[in-house]
Amino acid sequence: MFGLFKSKKKEVIKKYLEEGAQLLDVRTSSEFNSNHIEGSKNIPVQVIDQKMKSLDKEKPVIVYCAMGGRSNIAASKLKANGFKVVNAGGIGSMRKHLKL
């Protein structure tokens, strides 16, 4: 059952990447500065409400963090505000998705 969700998420991420998705890292600035995926924008989850206006609502958003918890919170908030969004989980998972 869970494999089905992983497969669907993988397909959505692939589709969003093909559509020119915005990569959003919601970890802290210090975490981002020590290691991040090139091309990602850093908006820590603690300030997502105030900073989501800096994202383009016309492009899908792929959210990641360290393990998946913070990106889940951020994805929910973005979705509630009309963004087309998917939670990629942790940065390790996101790196695997980029190798599709």
C-alpha atoms as a PDB file:
ATOM      1  CA  MET A   1       0.000   0.000   0.000  1.00  0.00           C
ATOM      2  CA  PHE A   2       2.734   2.489   0.940  1.00  0.00           C
ATOM      3  CA  GLY A   3       4.661   1.618  -2.218  1.00  0.00           C
ATOM      4  CA  LEU A   4       1.733   2.961  -4.224  1.00  0.00           C
ATOM      5  CA  PHE A   5       2.033   6.356  -2.504  1.00  0.00           C
ATOM      6  CA  LYS A   6       5.811   6.450  -3.083  1.00  0.00           C
ATOM      7  CA  SER A   7       5.308   5.620  -6.741  1.00  0.00           C
ATOM      8  CA  LYS A   8       2.664   8.321  -7.154  1.00  0.00           C
ATOM      9  CA  LYS A   9       4.858  10.895  -5.364  1.00  0.00           C
ATOM     10  CA  LYS A  10       7.770   9.994  -7.647  1.00  0.00           C
ATOM     11  CA  GLU A  11       5.558  10.537 -10.705  1.00  0.00           C
ATOM     12  CA  VAL A  12       4.291  13.883  -9.403  1.00  0.00           C
ATOM     13  CA  ILE A  13       7.821  15.093  -8.629  1.00  0.00           C
ATOM     14  CA  LYS A  14       9.010  14.045 -12.100  1.00  0.00           C
ATOM     15  CA  LYS A  15       6.056  15.868 -13.694  1.00  0.00           C
ATOM     16  CA  TYR A  16       6.645  19.013 -11.606  1.00  0.00           C
ATOM     17  CA  LEU A  17      10.358  19.015 -12.497  1.00  0.00           C
ATOM     18  CA  GLU A  18       9.412  18.837 -16.191  1.00  0.00           C
ATOM     19  CA  GLU A  19       7.091  21.820 -15.605  1.00  0.00           C
ATOM     20  CA  GLY A  20       9.964  23.902 -14.172  1.00  0.00           C
ATOM     21  CA  ALA A  21       9.114  23.479 -10.495  1.00  0.00           C
ATOM     22  CA  GLN A  22      10.531  25.674  -7.772  1.00  0.00           C
ATOM     23  CA  LEU A  23      12.656  23.711  -5.281  1.00  0.00           C
ATOM     24  CA  LEU A  24      11.964  24.898  -1.756  1.00  0.00           C
ATOM     25  CA  ASP A  25      14.229  24.003   1.165  1.00  0.00           C
ATOM     26  CA  VAL A  26      12.399  24.739   4.435  1.00  0.00           C
ATOM     27  CA  ARG A  27      15.296  23.973   6.781  1.00  0.00           C
ATOM     28  CA  THR A  28      17.013  26.681   8.832  1.00  0.00           C
ATOM     29  CA  SER A  29      19.392  29.107   7.112  1.00  0.00           C
ATOM     30  CA  SER A  30      22.407  27.470   8.781  1.00  0.00           C
ATOM     31  CA  GLU A  31      21.328  24.000   7.578  1.00  0.00           C
ATOM     32  CA  PHE A  32      20.781  25.402   4.079  1.00  0.00           C
ATOM     33  CA  ASN A  33      24.158  27.162   4.033  1.00  0.00           C
ATOM     34  CA  SER A  34      26.028  24.013   5.089  1.00  0.00           C
ATOM     35  CA  ASN A  35      24.398  21.772   2.446  1.00  0.00           C
ATOM     36  CA  HIS A  36      21.626  22.302  -0.092  1.00  0.00           C
ATOM     37  CA  ILE A  37      20.510  21.376  -3.581  1.00  0.00           C
ATOM     38  CA  GLU A  38      21.690  23.850  -6.187  1.00  0.00           C
ATOM     39  CA  GLY A  39      18.859  26.019  -7.458  1.00  0.00           C
ATOM     40  CA  SER A  40      16.800  25.661  -4.267  1.00  0.00           C
ATOM     41  CA  LYS A  41      15.248  28.612  -2.511  1.00  0.00           C
ATOM     42  CA  ASN A  42      15.506  28.691   1.283  1.00  0.00           C
ATOM     43  CA  ILE A  43      12.453  29.718   3.281  1.00  0.00           C
ATOM     44  CA  PRO A  44      12.595  28.211   6.778  1.00  0.00           C
ATOM     45  CA  VAL A  45       9.269  26.644   7.800  1.00  0.00           C
ATOM     46  CA  GLN A  46       9.095  29.059  10.752  1.00  0.00           C
ATOM     47  CA  VAL A  47       8.607  32.007   8.347  1.00  0.00           C
ATOM     48  CA  ILE A  48       6.743  30.289   5.484  1.00  0.00           C
ATOM     49  CA  ASP A  49       3.547  32.241   6.214  1.00  0.00           C
ATOM     50  CA  GLN A  50       5.308  35.589   5.814  1.00  0.00           C
ATOM     51  CA  LYS A  51       7.568  34.631   2.883  1.00  0.00           C
ATOM     52  CA  MET A  52       5.393  32.461   0.628  1.00  0.00           C
ATOM     53  CA  LYS A  53       4.566  35.566  -1.426  1.00  0.00           C
ATOM     54  CA  SER A  54       8.108  35.366  -2.836  1.00  0.00           C
ATOM     55  CA  LEU A  55       7.158  32.115  -4.636  1.00  0.00           C
ATOM     56  CA  ASP A  56       5.553  32.029  -8.083  1.00  0.00           C
ATOM     57  CA  LYS A  57       2.010  30.598  -7.833  1.00  0.00           C
ATOM     58  CA  GLU A  58       2.110  29.803 -11.564  1.00  0.00           C
ATOM     59  CA  LYS A  59       4.878  27.211 -11.079  1.00  0.00           C
ATOM     60  CA  PRO A  60       4.637  24.024  -9.017  1.00  0.00           C
ATOM     61  CA  VAL A  61       6.634  23.807  -5.775  1.00  0.00           C
ATOM     62  CA  ILE A  62       8.630  20.807  -4.551  1.00  0.00           C
ATOM     63  CA  VAL A  63       9.324  21.117  -0.819  1.00  0.00           C
ATOM     64  CA  TYR A  64      12.046  19.315   1.139  1.00  0.00           C
ATOM     65  CA  CYS A  65      13.764  19.562   4.535  1.00  0.00           C
ATOM     66  CA  ALA A  66      16.080  17.256   6.512  1.00  0.00           C
ATOM     67  CA  MET A  67      13.766  14.316   7.240  1.00  0.00           C
ATOM     68  CA  GLY A  68      10.295  15.240   5.935  1.00  0.00           C
ATOM     69  CA  GLY A  69       8.469  16.678   8.957  1.00  0.00           C
ATOM     70  CA  ARG A  70       9.008  20.378   8.306  1.00  0.00           C
ATOM     71  CA  SER A  71       8.418  19.978   4.579  1.00  0.00           C
ATOM     72  CA  ASN A  72       5.072  18.328   5.362  1.00  0.00           C
ATOM     73  CA  ILE A  73       4.013  21.364   7.424  1.00  0.00           C
ATOM     74  CA  ALA A  74       5.208  23.793   4.734  1.00  0.00           C
ATOM     75  CA  ALA A  75       3.526  21.826   1.917  1.00  0.00           C
ATOM     76  CA  SER A  76       0.214  21.885   3.804  1.00  0.00           C
ATOM     77  CA  LYS A  77       0.419  25.651   4.302  1.00  0.00           C
ATOM     78  CA  LEU A  78       1.325  26.272   0.664  1.00  0.00           C
ATOM     79  CA  LYS A  79      -1.462  24.012  -0.580  1.00  0.00           C
ATOM     80  CA  ALA A  80      -3.966  25.840   1.667  1.00  0.00           C
ATOM     81  CA  ASN A  81      -2.852  29.073  -0.026  1.00  0.00           C
ATOM     82  CA  GLY A  82      -3.431  27.821  -3.562  1.00  0.00           C
ATOM     83  CA  PHE A  83       0.007  26.537  -4.527  1.00  0.00           C
ATOM     84  CA  LYS A  84       0.485  23.383  -6.601  1.00  0.00           C
ATOM     85  CA  VAL A  85       2.846  21.559  -4.235  1.00  0.00           C
ATOM     86  CA  VAL A  86       4.355  18.178  -3.385  1.00  0.00           C
ATOM     87  CA  ASN A  87       6.340  17.187  -0.305  1.00  0.00           C
ATOM     88  CA  ALA A  88       9.514  15.379  -1.403  1.00  0.00           C
ATOM     89  CA  GLY A  89      10.459  14.601   2.202  1.00  0.00           C
ATOM     90  CA  GLY A  90      14.098  14.796   3.251  1.00  0.00           C
ATOM     91  CA  ILE A  91      17.017  16.191   1.274  1.00  0.00           C
ATOM     92  CA  GLY A  92      18.307  12.652   0.594  1.00  0.00           C
ATOM     93  CA  SER A  93      15.011  11.682  -1.008  1.00  0.00           C
ATOM     94  CA  MET A  94      14.980  14.901  -3.009  1.00  0.00           C
ATOM     95  CA  ARG A  95      18.472  14.185  -4.359  1.00  0.00           C
ATOM     96  CA  LYS A  96      17.260  10.719  -5.494  1.00  0.00           C
ATOM     97  CA  HIS A  97      14.276  12.283  -7.267  1.00  0.00           C
ATOM     98  CA  LEU A  98      16.580  14.635  -9.159  1.00  0.00           C
ATOM     99  CA  LYS A  99      18.381  11.599 -10.623  1.00  0.00           C
ATOM    100  CA  LEU A 100      15.160  10.368 -12.320  1.00  0.00           C
END
